C-alpha atoms as a PDB file:
ATOM      1  CA  GLN A   1      41.302 -45.487  -5.741  1.00  0.00           C
ATOM      2  CA  VAL A   2      43.448 -43.462  -4.321  1.00  0.00           C
ATOM      3  CA  GLN A   3      47.343 -44.729  -3.162  1.00  0.00           C
ATOM      4  CA  LEU A   4      49.527 -42.909  -0.358  1.00  0.00           C
ATOM      5  CA  VAL A   5      52.766 -43.080   0.680  1.00  0.00           C
ATOM      6  CA  GLU A   6      54.988 -41.669   2.971  1.00  0.00           C
ATOM      7  CA  SER A   7      58.594 -40.832   3.868  1.00  0.00           C
ATOM      8  CA  GLY A   8      61.206 -38.293   5.482  1.00  0.00           C
ATOM      9  CA  GLY A   9      60.432 -40.369   8.637  1.00  0.00           C
ATOM     10  CA  GLY A  10      63.178 -40.806  10.665  1.00  0.00           C
ATOM     11  CA  LEU A  11      65.422 -39.798  14.068  1.00  0.00           C
ATOM     12  CA  VAL A  12      65.929 -36.817  14.986  1.00  0.00           C
ATOM     13  CA  GLN A  13      67.213 -34.675  18.098  1.00  0.00           C
ATOM     14  CA  PRO A  14      64.710 -32.431  20.233  1.00  0.00           C
ATOM     15  CA  GLY A  15      64.922 -29.529  19.081  1.00  0.00           C
ATOM     16  CA  GLY A  16      65.603 -30.825  15.374  1.00  0.00           C
ATOM     17  CA  SER A  17      63.945 -30.880  12.291  1.00  0.00           C
ATOM     18  CA  LEU A  18      62.212 -33.252   9.566  1.00  0.00           C
ATOM     19  CA  ARG A  19      60.059 -33.124   6.394  1.00  0.00           C
ATOM     20  CA  LEU A  20      57.206 -35.728   5.815  1.00  0.00           C
ATOM     21  CA  SER A  21      56.258 -36.339   1.823  1.00  0.00           C
ATOM     22  CA  CYS A  22      53.157 -38.018   1.203  1.00  0.00           C
ATOM     23  CA  ALA A  23      53.315 -39.016  -2.163  1.00  0.00           C
ATOM     24  CA  VAL A  24      48.991 -39.167  -3.698  1.00  0.00           C
ATOM     25  CA  SER A  25      48.349 -41.294  -6.973  1.00  0.00           C
ATOM     26  CA  GLY A  26      45.282 -43.197  -8.522  1.00  0.00           C
ATOM     27  CA  ARG A  27      42.140 -41.759  -9.053  1.00  0.00           C
ATOM     28  CA  THR A  28      42.955 -38.535  -7.887  1.00  0.00           C
ATOM     29  CA  ASN A  29      40.244 -35.630  -7.072  1.00  0.00           C
ATOM     30  CA  SER A  30      41.964 -32.176  -6.448  1.00  0.00           C
ATOM     31  CA  ALA A  31      38.600 -31.730  -3.947  1.00  0.00           C
ATOM     32  CA  TYR A  32      39.991 -33.659  -1.459  1.00  0.00           C
ATOM     33  CA  ALA A  33      41.129 -32.376   1.884  1.00  0.00           C
ATOM     34  CA  MET A  34      44.593 -33.913   3.034  1.00  0.00           C
ATOM     35  CA  ALA A  35      45.656 -34.510   6.200  1.00  0.00           C
ATOM     36  CA  TRP A  36      48.307 -36.424   9.069  1.00  0.00           C
ATOM     37  CA  PHE A  37      47.810 -37.852  11.782  1.00  0.00           C
ATOM     38  CA  ARG A  38      49.807 -39.843  14.072  1.00  0.00           C
ATOM     39  CA  GLN A  39      49.737 -42.622  16.814  1.00  0.00           C
ATOM     40  CA  ALA A  40      52.011 -43.377  19.629  1.00  0.00           C
ATOM     41  CA  PRO A  41      52.538 -47.102  20.906  1.00  0.00           C
ATOM     42  CA  GLY A  42      49.273 -47.326  23.249  1.00  0.00           C
ATOM     43  CA  LYS A  43      47.402 -44.411  22.203  1.00  0.00           C
ATOM     44  CA  PHE A  44      44.740 -43.618  19.548  1.00  0.00           C
ATOM     45  CA  ARG A  45      45.577 -42.275  16.667  1.00  0.00           C
ATOM     46  CA  GLU A  46      44.677 -38.178  16.824  1.00  0.00           C
ATOM     47  CA  PHE A  47      44.719 -35.586  14.237  1.00  0.00           C
ATOM     48  CA  VAL A  48      48.391 -33.301  13.590  1.00  0.00           C
ATOM     49  CA  ALA A  49      47.282 -31.175  10.719  1.00  0.00           C
ATOM     50  CA  ALA A  50      44.970 -31.208   7.290  1.00  0.00           C
ATOM     51  CA  LEU A  51      44.389 -28.036   4.508  1.00  0.00           C
ATOM     52  CA  ASN A  52      41.329 -28.331   2.386  1.00  0.00           C
ATOM     53  CA  TRP A  53      41.131 -28.806  -1.111  1.00  0.00           C
ATOM     54  CA  SER A  54      42.445 -25.424  -2.170  1.00  0.00           C
ATOM     55  CA  GLY A  55      45.110 -25.700  -0.005  1.00  0.00           C
ATOM     56  CA  ARG A  56      44.440 -22.309   1.310  1.00  0.00           C
ATOM     57  CA  ASN A  57      42.790 -23.091   4.670  1.00  0.00           C
ATOM     58  CA  LYS A  58      44.667 -24.956   7.170  1.00  0.00           C
ATOM     59  CA  TYR A  59      44.104 -26.742  10.422  1.00  0.00           C
ATOM     60  CA  TYR A  60      46.460 -27.607  13.070  1.00  0.00           C
ATOM     61  CA  ALA A  61      46.136 -29.443  16.389  1.00  0.00           C
ATOM     62  CA  ASP A  62      47.019 -27.465  19.681  1.00  0.00           C
ATOM     63  CA  ALA A  63      49.813 -29.584  20.362  1.00  0.00           C
ATOM     64  CA  VAL A  64      51.910 -28.712  17.367  1.00  0.00           C
ATOM     65  CA  ARG A  65      50.519 -25.191  16.334  1.00  0.00           C
ATOM     66  CA  GLY A  66      53.094 -23.377  15.508  1.00  0.00           C
ATOM     67  CA  ARG A  67      56.036 -25.935  14.931  1.00  0.00           C
ATOM     68  CA  PHE A  68      54.425 -28.063  12.201  1.00  0.00           C
ATOM     69  CA  SER A  69      53.727 -26.775   8.894  1.00  0.00           C
ATOM     70  CA  ILE A  70      51.190 -28.572   6.404  1.00  0.00           C
ATOM     71  CA  SER A  71      51.279 -27.534   2.847  1.00  0.00           C
ATOM     72  CA  ARG A  72      50.286 -28.914  -1.396  1.00  0.00           C
ATOM     73  CA  GLY A  73      53.439 -29.932  -3.154  1.00  0.00           C
ATOM     74  CA  ASN A  74      53.609 -28.563  -7.081  1.00  0.00           C
ATOM     75  CA  GLY A  75      50.675 -30.818  -9.516  1.00  0.00           C
ATOM     76  CA  GLU A  76      48.789 -31.280  -6.370  1.00  0.00           C
ATOM     77  CA  ASN A  77      50.325 -34.778  -6.193  1.00  0.00           C
ATOM     78  CA  THR A  78      52.241 -34.235  -2.883  1.00  0.00           C
ATOM     79  CA  VAL A  79      51.624 -33.187   0.721  1.00  0.00           C
ATOM     80  CA  GLN A  80      54.312 -32.032   3.268  1.00  0.00           C
ATOM     81  CA  LEU A  81      54.451 -31.531   6.692  1.00  0.00           C
ATOM     82  CA  GLN A  82      57.200 -29.598   7.650  1.00  0.00           C
ATOM     83  CA  MET A  83      57.709 -30.302  11.581  1.00  0.00           C
ATOM     84  CA  ASN A  84      60.354 -27.877  13.485  1.00  0.00           C
ATOM     85  CA  SER A  85      61.325 -27.816  17.266  1.00  0.00           C
ATOM     86  CA  LEU A  86      60.810 -31.661  17.599  1.00  0.00           C
ATOM     87  CA  LYS A  87      60.098 -33.063  21.323  1.00  0.00           C
ATOM     88  CA  PRO A  88      59.867 -36.574  22.386  1.00  0.00           C
ATOM     89  CA  GLU A  89      56.234 -36.429  22.741  1.00  0.00           C
ATOM     90  CA  ASP A  90      55.956 -35.955  19.037  1.00  0.00           C
ATOM     91  CA  THR A  91      57.416 -39.536  18.523  1.00  0.00           C
ATOM     92  CA  ALA A  92      54.395 -41.204  16.367  1.00  0.00           C
ATOM     93  CA  LEU A  93      54.353 -43.292  13.434  1.00  0.00           C
ATOM     94  CA  TYR A  94      52.494 -40.468  11.477  1.00  0.00           C
ATOM     95  CA  TYR A  95      49.860 -40.949   8.491  1.00  0.00           C
ATOM     96  CA  CYS A  96      48.790 -39.162   5.349  1.00  0.00           C
ATOM     97  CA  ALA A  97      44.990 -39.290   4.307  1.00  0.00           C
ATOM     98  CA  ALA A  98      42.936 -38.536   2.117  1.00  0.00           C
ATOM     99  CA  GLY A  99      38.951 -37.370   2.366  1.00  0.00           C
ATOM    100  CA  PRO A 100      36.467 -35.591   1.099  1.00  0.00           C
ATOM    101  CA  SER A 101      36.993 -31.811   1.422  1.00  0.00           C
ATOM    102  CA  ARG A 102      33.576 -31.323   3.473  1.00  0.00           C
ATOM    103  CA  PHE A 103      32.161 -27.742   3.232  1.00  0.00           C
ATOM    104  CA  GLY A 104      35.121 -26.348   1.466  1.00  0.00           C
ATOM    105  CA  GLY A 105      37.335 -27.396   5.020  1.00  0.00           C
ATOM    106  CA  ALA A 106      39.200 -30.605   6.778  1.00  0.00           C
ATOM    107  CA  SER A 107      37.905 -32.459   9.135  1.00  0.00           C
ATOM    108  CA  ARG A 108      39.934 -33.150  12.168  1.00  0.00           C
ATOM    109  CA  LEU A 109      38.170 -36.536  12.494  1.00  0.00           C
ATOM    110  CA  THR A 110      39.706 -39.901  11.246  1.00  0.00           C
ATOM    111  CA  SER A 111      36.406 -41.277   9.914  1.00  0.00           C
ATOM    112  CA  ASP A 112      35.852 -38.571   7.434  1.00  0.00           C
ATOM    113  CA  TYR A 113      39.448 -39.913   5.712  1.00  0.00           C
ATOM    114  CA  ASP A 114      38.350 -42.355   3.226  1.00  0.00           C
ATOM    115  CA  TYR A 115      42.336 -43.403   2.124  1.00  0.00           C
ATOM    116  CA  TRP A 116      45.084 -43.899   4.348  1.00  0.00           C
ATOM    117  CA  GLY A 117      49.114 -44.615   3.918  1.00  0.00           C
ATOM    118  CA  GLN A 118      51.167 -47.200   5.707  1.00  0.00           C
ATOM    119  CA  GLY A 119      52.620 -44.516   7.656  1.00  0.00           C
ATOM    120  CA  THR A 120      56.384 -43.263   8.100  1.00  0.00           C
ATOM    121  CA  GLN A 121      58.238 -44.093  11.867  1.00  0.00           C
ATOM    122  CA  VAL A 122      59.239 -40.398  13.711  1.00  0.00           C
ATOM    123  CA  THR A 123      61.387 -41.170  16.790  1.00  0.00           C
ATOM    124  CA  VAL A 124      62.714 -37.915  18.872  1.00  0.00           C
ATOM    125  CA  SER A 125      64.814 -38.955  20.945  1.00  0.00           C
ATOM    126  CA  SER A 126      68.574 -37.863  22.261  1.00  0.00           C
END
């Protein structure tokens, strides 16, 4: 089993920044792809960003490309999501996920991730 715990969410004004962290523990596997998804009220969970097992290949949703950055922390035990230039439409519950790094990459599909955190709320409002 792999446990994921997110932190770093909160209330921020439009144009502000937040840094989310995902602590990974349990039977960790450095070959996992790691991803962030988000879900706003009344909407489906959507892909935000992912990186493959090595951390060299990174993938972003069009809505966040150029504003968000995903990275692995030291020792492969944390994954961060740096969010800049936040917009009200970024308001959502943000989830960290881990799953097989298929074909060396990272999937954008929720169904390809085996482990999920409980989520951390991000609210962008003035």
